[in-house]
PDB file of N, CA and C in Angstrom:
ATOM      1  N   UNK A   1       6.119  -3.893 -15.353  1.00  0.00           N
ATOM      2  CA  UNK A   1       5.570  -2.814 -14.417  1.00  0.00           C
ATOM      3  C   UNK A   1       5.167  -3.401 -13.090  1.00  0.00           C
ATOM      4  N   UNK A   2       5.076  -4.104 -12.745  1.00  0.00           N
ATOM      5  CA  UNK A   2       4.469  -5.513 -11.169  1.00  0.00           C
ATOM      6  C   UNK A   2       5.528  -5.234 -10.298  1.00  0.00           C
ATOM      7  N   UNK A   3       6.883  -5.744 -11.294  1.00  0.00           N
ATOM      8  CA  UNK A   3       7.490  -6.059 -10.237  1.00  0.00           C
ATOM      9  C   UNK A   3       8.294  -4.707 -10.112  1.00  0.00           C
ATOM     10  N   UNK A   4       8.461  -3.622 -11.204  1.00  0.00           N
ATOM     11  CA  UNK A   4       8.937  -2.550 -11.099  1.00  0.00           C
ATOM     12  C   UNK A   4       8.462  -1.718  -9.643  1.00  0.00           C
ATOM     13  N   UNK A   5       7.395  -1.651  -9.947  1.00  0.00           N
ATOM     14  CA  UNK A   5       6.714  -0.621  -9.049  1.00  0.00           C
ATOM     15  C   UNK A   5       6.572  -1.556  -7.430  1.00  0.00           C
ATOM     16  N   UNK A   6       6.272  -2.620  -7.665  1.00  0.00           N
ATOM     17  CA  UNK A   6       6.217  -3.357  -6.304  1.00  0.00           C
ATOM     18  C   UNK A   6       7.668  -2.903  -6.278  1.00  0.00           C
ATOM     19  N   UNK A   7       8.386  -3.215  -6.328  1.00  0.00           N
ATOM     20  CA  UNK A   7      10.583  -2.934  -5.506  1.00  0.00           C
ATOM     21  C   UNK A   7      10.287  -1.643  -4.736  1.00  0.00           C
ATOM     22  N   UNK A   8       9.052  -0.817  -5.283  1.00  0.00           N
ATOM     23  CA  UNK A   8       9.442   0.675  -4.814  1.00  0.00           C
ATOM     24  C   UNK A   8       8.664   0.302  -2.872  1.00  0.00           C
ATOM     25  N   UNK A   9       7.570  -0.454  -2.892  1.00  0.00           N
ATOM     26  CA  UNK A   9       6.925  -0.530  -1.675  1.00  0.00           C
ATOM     27  C   UNK A   9       7.428  -0.691  -0.446  1.00  0.00           C
ATOM     28  N   UNK A  10       8.724  -1.375  -0.574  1.00  0.00           N
ATOM     29  CA  UNK A  10       9.218  -1.909   0.571  1.00  0.00           C
ATOM     30  C   UNK A  10       9.986  -0.381   1.358  1.00  0.00           C
ATOM     31  N   UNK A  11      10.919   0.281   0.561  1.00  0.00           N
ATOM     32  CA  UNK A  11      11.273   1.501   0.696  1.00  0.00           C
ATOM     33  C   UNK A  11      10.311   2.490   1.350  1.00  0.00           C
ATOM     34  N   UNK A  12       8.974   2.723   0.919  1.00  0.00           N
ATOM     35  CA  UNK A  12       7.842   3.695   0.824  1.00  0.00           C
ATOM     36  C   UNK A  12       7.068   3.209   2.640  1.00  0.00           C
ATOM     37  N   UNK A  13       7.401   1.632   3.114  1.00  0.00           N
ATOM     38  CA  UNK A  13       6.905   0.903   3.994  1.00  0.00           C
ATOM     39  C   UNK A  13       8.014   1.289   5.333  1.00  0.00           C
ATOM     40  N   UNK A  14       9.611   0.926   4.927  1.00  0.00           N
ATOM     41  CA  UNK A  14      10.720   1.332   5.619  1.00  0.00           C
ATOM     42  C   UNK A  14      10.242   2.707   6.526  1.00  0.00           C
ATOM     43  N   UNK A  15      10.212   3.583   5.406  1.00  0.00           N
ATOM     44  CA  UNK A  15      10.452   4.753   5.277  1.00  0.00           C
ATOM     45  C   UNK A  15       8.994   5.476   6.692  1.00  0.00           C
ATOM     46  N   UNK A  16       8.143   4.673   6.175  1.00  0.00           N
ATOM     47  CA  UNK A  16       6.330   4.988   7.533  1.00  0.00           C
ATOM     48  C   UNK A  16       6.676   4.347   8.521  1.00  0.00           C
ATOM     49  N   UNK A  17       7.215   3.414   8.772  1.00  0.00           N
ATOM     50  CA  UNK A  17       7.857   2.720   9.836  1.00  0.00           C
ATOM     51  C   UNK A  17       8.664   3.309  10.867  1.00  0.00           C
ATOM     52  N   UNK A  18      10.041   3.904   9.673  1.00  0.00           N
ATOM     53  CA  UNK A  18      11.160   4.550  10.797  1.00  0.00           C
ATOM     54  C   UNK A  18      10.476   5.864  11.303  1.00  0.00           C
ATOM     55  N   UNK A  19      10.125   6.864  10.187  1.00  0.00           N
ATOM     56  CA  UNK A  19      10.125   8.163  10.432  1.00  0.00           C
ATOM     57  C   UNK A  19       8.499   8.218  11.345  1.00  0.00           C
ATOM     58  N   UNK A  20       7.582   7.550  11.520  1.00  0.00           N
ATOM     59  CA  UNK A  20       6.426   7.848  12.332  1.00  0.00           C
ATOM     60  C   UNK A  20       5.367   8.847  12.047  1.00  0.00           C
ATOM     61  N   UNK A  21       5.958   9.333  10.425  1.00  0.00           N
ATOM     62  CA  UNK A  21       5.046  10.807  10.119  1.00  0.00           C
ATOM     63  C   UNK A  21       4.384  10.361   8.956  1.00  0.00           C
ATOM     64  N   UNK A  22       3.389  11.106   8.566  1.00  0.00           N
ATOM     65  CA  UNK A  22       2.485  11.130   7.454  1.00  0.00           C
ATOM     66  C   UNK A  22       2.776  11.806   6.257  1.00  0.00           C
ATOM     67  N   UNK A  23       3.782  13.226   7.183  1.00  0.00           N
ATOM     68  CA  UNK A  23       4.632  14.118   6.006  1.00  0.00           C
ATOM     69  C   UNK A  23       4.417  13.215   4.365  1.00  0.00           C
ATOM     70  N   UNK A  24       4.241  13.900   3.573  1.00  0.00           N
ATOM     71  CA  UNK A  24       4.406  13.358   2.095  1.00  0.00           C
ATOM     72  C   UNK A  24       3.757  11.663   1.507  1.00  0.00           C
ATOM     73  N   UNK A  25       2.690  11.695   2.308  1.00  0.00           N
ATOM     74  CA  UNK A  25       2.089  10.880   2.182  1.00  0.00           C
ATOM     75  C   UNK A  25       0.739  10.896   1.908  1.00  0.00           C
ATOM     76  N   UNK A  26      -0.513  10.333   0.628  1.00  0.00           N
ATOM     77  CA  UNK A  26      -1.444  11.113   0.104  1.00  0.00           C
ATOM     78  C   UNK A  26      -2.549   9.073   0.451  1.00  0.00           C
ATOM     79  N   UNK A  27      -3.051   9.483   1.536  1.00  0.00           N
ATOM     80  CA  UNK A  27      -4.090   8.268   1.792  1.00  0.00           C
ATOM     81  C   UNK A  27      -4.796   8.073   0.637  1.00  0.00           C
ATOM     82  N   UNK A  28      -5.367   8.810  -0.295  1.00  0.00           N
ATOM     83  CA  UNK A  28      -6.233   9.179  -1.048  1.00  0.00           C
ATOM     84  C   UNK A  28      -5.209   7.834  -2.317  1.00  0.00           C
ATOM     85  N   UNK A  29      -4.398   8.597  -2.650  1.00  0.00           N
ATOM     86  CA  UNK A  29      -3.166   7.701  -3.537  1.00  0.00           C
ATOM     87  C   UNK A  29      -3.269   6.507  -3.232  1.00  0.00           C
ATOM     88  N   UNK A  30      -2.939   6.170  -1.735  1.00  0.00           N
ATOM     89  CA  UNK A  30      -2.397   4.905  -1.191  1.00  0.00           C
ATOM     90  C   UNK A  30      -3.624   4.001  -1.564  1.00  0.00           C
ATOM     91  N   UNK A  31      -5.096   4.310  -1.216  1.00  0.00           N
ATOM     92  CA  UNK A  31      -6.333   3.899  -1.200  1.00  0.00           C
ATOM     93  C   UNK A  31      -6.782   3.543  -3.261  1.00  0.00           C
ATOM     94  N   UNK A  32      -6.570   4.384  -3.969  1.00  0.00           N
ATOM     95  CA  UNK A  32      -6.039   4.451  -4.983  1.00  0.00           C
ATOM     96  C   UNK A  32      -5.835   3.190  -5.702  1.00  0.00           C
ATOM     97  N   UNK A  33      -3.768   2.962  -5.162  1.00  0.00           N
ATOM     98  CA  UNK A  33      -3.154   1.914  -5.987  1.00  0.00           C
ATOM     99  C   UNK A  33      -4.094   0.840  -5.186  1.00  0.00           C
ATOM    100  N   UNK A  34      -4.348   0.918  -4.107  1.00  0.00           N
ATOM    101  CA  UNK A  34      -5.189  -0.686  -3.343  1.00  0.00           C
ATOM    102  C   UNK A  34      -5.766  -1.113  -3.939  1.00  0.00           C
ATOM    103  N   UNK A  35      -6.913  -0.207  -4.442  1.00  0.00           N
ATOM    104  CA  UNK A  35      -7.897  -0.638  -5.219  1.00  0.00           C
ATOM    105  C   UNK A  35      -7.360  -0.906  -6.386  1.00  0.00           C
ATOM    106  N   UNK A  36      -6.585  -0.838  -7.121  1.00  0.00           N
ATOM    107  CA  UNK A  36      -6.199  -1.463  -8.757  1.00  0.00           C
ATOM    108  C   UNK A  36      -5.400  -2.661  -8.676  1.00  0.00           C
ATOM    109  N   UNK A  37      -4.856  -2.789  -7.006  1.00  0.00           N
ATOM    110  CA  UNK A  37      -4.314  -4.216  -7.382  1.00  0.00           C
ATOM    111  C   UNK A  37      -5.688  -4.924  -7.150  1.00  0.00           C
ATOM    112  N   UNK A  38      -6.433  -4.970  -6.000  1.00  0.00           N
ATOM    113  CA  UNK A  38      -7.655  -5.234  -6.172  1.00  0.00           C
ATOM    114  C   UNK A  38      -8.305  -6.067  -7.125  1.00  0.00           C
ATOM    115  N   UNK A  39      -8.276  -5.067  -7.884  1.00  0.00           N
ATOM    116  CA  UNK A  39      -9.135  -5.097  -9.129  1.00  0.00           C
ATOM    117  C   UNK A  39      -8.332  -6.011 -10.429  1.00  0.00           C
ATOM    118  N   UNK A  40      -7.261  -5.953 -10.091  1.00  0.00           N
ATOM    119  CA  UNK A  40      -6.319  -6.439 -10.860  1.00  0.00           C
ATOM    120  C   UNK A  40      -6.645  -8.539 -10.815  1.00  0.00           C
ATOM    121  N   UNK A  41      -6.321  -8.919  -9.184  1.00  0.00           N
ATOM    122  CA  UNK A  41      -6.537  -9.618  -8.580  1.00  0.00           C
ATOM    123  C   UNK A  41      -7.899 -10.392  -9.062  1.00  0.00           C
ATOM    124  N   UNK A  42      -8.765  -9.457  -8.988  1.00  0.00           N
ATOM    125  CA  UNK A  42     -10.043 -10.006  -9.544  1.00  0.00           C
ATOM    126  C   UNK A  42     -10.411  -9.818 -10.990  1.00  0.00           C
ATOM    127  N   UNK A  43      -9.598  -9.683 -11.940  1.00  0.00           N
ATOM    128  CA  UNK A  43      -9.851  -9.687 -13.069  1.00  0.00           C
ATOM    129  C   UNK A  43      -8.840 -11.292 -13.597  1.00  0.00           C
ATOM    130  N   UNK A  44      -7.929 -11.322 -12.542  1.00  0.00           N
ATOM    131  CA  UNK A  44      -6.938 -12.618 -13.246  1.00  0.00           C
ATOM    132  C   UNK A  44      -7.612 -13.907 -12.919  1.00  0.00           C
ATOM    133  N   UNK A  45      -8.520 -13.863 -11.807  1.00  0.00           N
ATOM    134  CA  UNK A  45      -9.323 -14.724 -11.443  1.00  0.00           C
ATOM    135  C   UNK A  45     -10.446 -15.259 -12.525  1.00  0.00           C
ATOM    136  N   UNK A  46     -10.849 -13.842 -12.745  1.00  0.00           N
ATOM    137  CA  UNK A  46     -12.452 -14.042 -13.333  1.00  0.00           C
ATOM    138  C   UNK A  46     -11.896 -14.211 -15.054  1.00  0.00           C
ATOM    139  N   UNK A  47     -10.945 -14.110 -15.361  1.00  0.00           N
ATOM    140  CA  UNK A  47     -10.606 -13.813 -16.577  1.00  0.00           C
ATOM    141  C   UNK A  47      -9.392 -15.077 -17.133  1.00  0.00           C
ATOM    142  N   UNK A  48      -8.341 -14.736 -16.347  1.00  0.00           N
ATOM    143  CA  UNK A  48      -7.168 -14.897 -16.905  1.00  0.00           C
ATOM    144  C   UNK A  48      -5.880 -15.348 -15.692  1.00  0.00           C
ATOM    145  N   UNK A  49      -6.539 -16.136 -15.261  1.00  0.00           N
ATOM    146  CA  UNK A  49      -5.847 -16.673 -14.135  1.00  0.00           C
ATOM    147  C   UNK A  49      -4.362 -17.348 -14.932  1.00  0.00           C
ATOM    148  N   UNK A  50      -3.063 -16.767 -13.487  1.00  0.00           N
ATOM    149  CA  UNK A  50      -1.748 -16.983 -14.030  1.00  0.00           C
ATOM    150  C   UNK A  50      -0.761 -16.859 -12.706  1.00  0.00           C
ATOM    151  N   UNK A  51       0.295 -16.691 -13.141  1.00  0.00           N
ATOM    152  CA  UNK A  51       1.276 -16.500 -11.940  1.00  0.00           C
ATOM    153  C   UNK A  51       1.124 -15.108 -11.811  1.00  0.00           C
ATOM    154  N   UNK A  52       1.099 -14.256 -12.380  1.00  0.00           N
ATOM    155  CA  UNK A  52       1.357 -12.702 -12.435  1.00  0.00           C
ATOM    156  C   UNK A  52       0.431 -11.871 -11.136  1.00  0.00           C
ATOM    157  N   UNK A  53      -1.315 -13.111 -10.607  1.00  0.00           N
ATOM    158  CA  UNK A  53      -1.661 -12.767  -9.717  1.00  0.00           C
ATOM    159  C   UNK A  53      -0.995 -12.918  -8.527  1.00  0.00           C
ATOM    160  N   UNK A  54       0.371 -13.334  -8.177  1.00  0.00           N
ATOM    161  CA  UNK A  54       0.618 -13.199  -7.025  1.00  0.00           C
ATOM    162  C   UNK A  54       1.390 -12.135  -6.975  1.00  0.00           C
ATOM    163  N   UNK A  55       1.822 -11.439  -7.864  1.00  0.00           N
ATOM    164  CA  UNK A  55       2.593 -10.382  -7.807  1.00  0.00           C
ATOM    165  C   UNK A  55       1.391  -9.509  -7.927  1.00  0.00           C
ATOM    166  N   UNK A  56       0.462  -9.393  -8.112  1.00  0.00           N
ATOM    167  CA  UNK A  56      -0.932  -8.728  -7.616  1.00  0.00           C
ATOM    168  C   UNK A  56      -1.419  -8.615  -6.373  1.00  0.00           C
ATOM    169  N   UNK A  57      -1.312  -9.842  -5.399  1.00  0.00           N
ATOM    170  CA  UNK A  57      -1.398  -9.792  -4.218  1.00  0.00           C
ATOM    171  C   UNK A  57      -0.266  -9.237  -3.625  1.00  0.00           C
ATOM    172  N   UNK A  58       0.976  -9.787  -3.565  1.00  0.00           N
ATOM    173  CA  UNK A  58       2.157  -9.633  -3.308  1.00  0.00           C
ATOM    174  C   UNK A  58       1.960  -7.645  -2.563  1.00  0.00           C
ATOM    175  N   UNK A  59       1.846  -7.213  -4.064  1.00  0.00           N
ATOM    176  CA  UNK A  59       1.905  -5.599  -3.929  1.00  0.00           C
ATOM    177  C   UNK A  59       0.779  -4.917  -3.077  1.00  0.00           C
ATOM    178  N   UNK A  60      -0.323  -5.746  -3.200  1.00  0.00           N
ATOM    179  CA  UNK A  60      -1.477  -5.337  -2.488  1.00  0.00           C
ATOM    180  C   UNK A  60      -1.288  -5.256  -0.787  1.00  0.00           C
ATOM    181  N   UNK A  61      -0.183  -6.427  -0.678  1.00  0.00           N
ATOM    182  CA  UNK A  61      -0.086  -6.824   0.510  1.00  0.00           C
ATOM    183  C   UNK A  61       0.326  -5.677   1.023  1.00  0.00           C
ATOM    184  N   UNK A  62       1.350  -4.988   0.301  1.00  0.00           N
ATOM    185  CA  UNK A  62       2.221  -4.268   0.482  1.00  0.00           C
ATOM    186  C   UNK A  62       1.796  -2.870   0.953  1.00  0.00           C
ATOM    187  N   UNK A  63       0.890  -2.551  -0.234  1.00  0.00           N
ATOM    188  CA  UNK A  63       0.260  -1.245  -0.256  1.00  0.00           C
ATOM    189  C   UNK A  63      -0.782  -1.008   1.202  1.00  0.00           C
ATOM    190  N   UNK A  64      -1.334  -2.151   1.653  1.00  0.00           N
ATOM    191  CA  UNK A  64      -2.276  -1.914   2.506  1.00  0.00           C
ATOM    192  C   UNK A  64      -1.058  -2.067   3.945  1.00  0.00           C
ATOM    193  N   UNK A  65      -0.171  -2.806   3.688  1.00  0.00           N
ATOM    194  CA  UNK A  65       1.228  -2.229   5.113  1.00  0.00           C
ATOM    195  C   UNK A  65       1.253  -0.978   4.848  1.00  0.00           C
ATOM    196  N   UNK A  66       1.578  -0.268   3.885  1.00  0.00           N
ATOM    197  CA  UNK A  66       1.677   1.193   4.001  1.00  0.00           C
ATOM    198  C   UNK A  66       0.801   2.156   4.812  1.00  0.00           C
ATOM    199  N   UNK A  67      -0.801   1.991   4.422  1.00  0.00           N
ATOM    200  CA  UNK A  67      -1.984   1.991   4.613  1.00  0.00           C
ATOM    201  C   UNK A  67      -2.487   1.843   6.152  1.00  0.00           C
ATOM    202  N   UNK A  68      -2.120   0.670   6.624  1.00  0.00           N
ATOM    203  CA  UNK A  68      -1.696   0.558   8.162  1.00  0.00           C
ATOM    204  C   UNK A  68      -1.260   1.318   8.832  1.00  0.00           C
ATOM    205  N   UNK A  69       0.381   1.285   8.263  1.00  0.00           N
ATOM    206  CA  UNK A  69       1.284   2.500   9.184  1.00  0.00           C
ATOM    207  C   UNK A  69       0.857   3.885   9.082  1.00  0.00           C
ATOM    208  N   UNK A  70       0.458   4.436   7.779  1.00  0.00           N
ATOM    209  CA  UNK A  70      -0.287   5.729   7.773  1.00  0.00           C
ATOM    210  C   UNK A  70      -1.674   6.109   8.977  1.00  0.00           C
ATOM    211  N   UNK A  71      -1.857   5.139   8.972  1.00  0.00           N
ATOM    212  CA  UNK A  71      -3.244   5.797  10.147  1.00  0.00           C
ATOM    213  C   UNK A  71      -2.585   5.447  11.469  1.00  0.00           C
ATOM    214  N   UNK A  72      -1.733   4.307  11.828  1.00  0.00           N
ATOM    215  CA  UNK A  72      -0.816   4.652  12.921  1.00  0.00           C
ATOM    216  C   UNK A  72      -0.055   5.350  13.213  1.00  0.00           C
ATOM    217  N   UNK A  73       0.462   6.145  12.114  1.00  0.00           N
ATOM    218  CA  UNK A  73       1.108   7.551  12.313  1.00  0.00           C
ATOM    219  C   UNK A  73       0.089   8.406  12.404  1.00  0.00           C
ATOM    220  N   UNK A  74      -0.667   8.664  11.657  1.00  0.00           N
ATOM    221  CA  UNK A  74      -1.490   9.377  11.703  1.00  0.00           C
ATOM    222  C   UNK A  74      -2.012   9.550  13.381  1.00  0.00           C
ATOM    223  N   UNK A  75      -2.516   8.653  13.620  1.00  0.00           N
ATOM    224  CA  UNK A  75      -2.872   8.379  15.658  1.00  0.00           C
ATOM    225  C   UNK A  75      -1.946   9.214  16.757  1.00  0.00           C
ATOM    226  N   UNK A  76      -0.673   8.784  15.883  1.00  0.00           N
ATOM    227  CA  UNK A  76       0.193   8.621  17.000  1.00  0.00           C
ATOM    228  C   UNK A  76       0.712  10.211  17.098  1.00  0.00           C
ATOM    229  N   UNK A  77       0.884  10.756  16.208  1.00  0.00           N
ATOM    230  CA  UNK A  77       0.600  12.284  15.690  1.00  0.00           C
ATOM    231  C   UNK A  77       0.162  13.331  16.109  1.00  0.00           C
ATOM    232  N   UNK A  78      -1.153  13.464  15.991  1.00  0.00           N
ATOM    233  CA  UNK A  78      -2.762  14.121  16.642  1.00  0.00           C
ATOM    234  C   UNK A  78      -2.555  14.434  17.457  1.00  0.00           C
ATOM    235  N   UNK A  79      -2.714  15.807  17.198  1.00  0.00           N
ATOM    236  CA  UNK A  79      -2.818  17.049  18.950  1.00  0.00           C
ATOM    237  C   UNK A  79      -3.245  16.190  20.289  1.00  0.00           C
ATOM    238  N   UNK A  80      -3.079  16.508  21.240  1.00  0.00           N
ATOM    239  CA  UNK A  80      -3.415  15.825  22.281  1.00  0.00           C
ATOM    240  C   UNK A  80      -4.063  16.801  23.005  1.00  0.00           C
ATOM    241  N   UNK A  81      -5.347  16.226  23.691  1.00  0.00           N
ATOM    242  CA  UNK A  81      -6.417  17.112  24.071  1.00  0.00           C
ATOM    243  C   UNK A  81      -5.930  17.896  25.699  1.00  0.00           C
ATOM    244  N   UNK A  82      -5.865  19.255  26.222  1.00  0.00           N
ATOM    245  CA  UNK A  82      -6.080  18.652  27.297  1.00  0.00           C
ATOM    246  C   UNK A  82      -7.432  18.449  28.634  1.00  0.00           C
TER     247      UNK A  82
END
């Protein structure tokens, strides 16, 4: 599941980077997914450290990249004040 779900993040990051728009993105969803990966890493560190932790970290980094792009795109498309 981590591999398949993680394979989707590069496409999402690419779309965010190229389109420079926030349409179709839910920042709440992104933060919830990031929290899931964060707590997955914590669980692996505390209870069962194994190599799967690197998938959690990699996916978390990709989600954070998408979050950063979301905020960048939101600032770039905010209405200008006269």
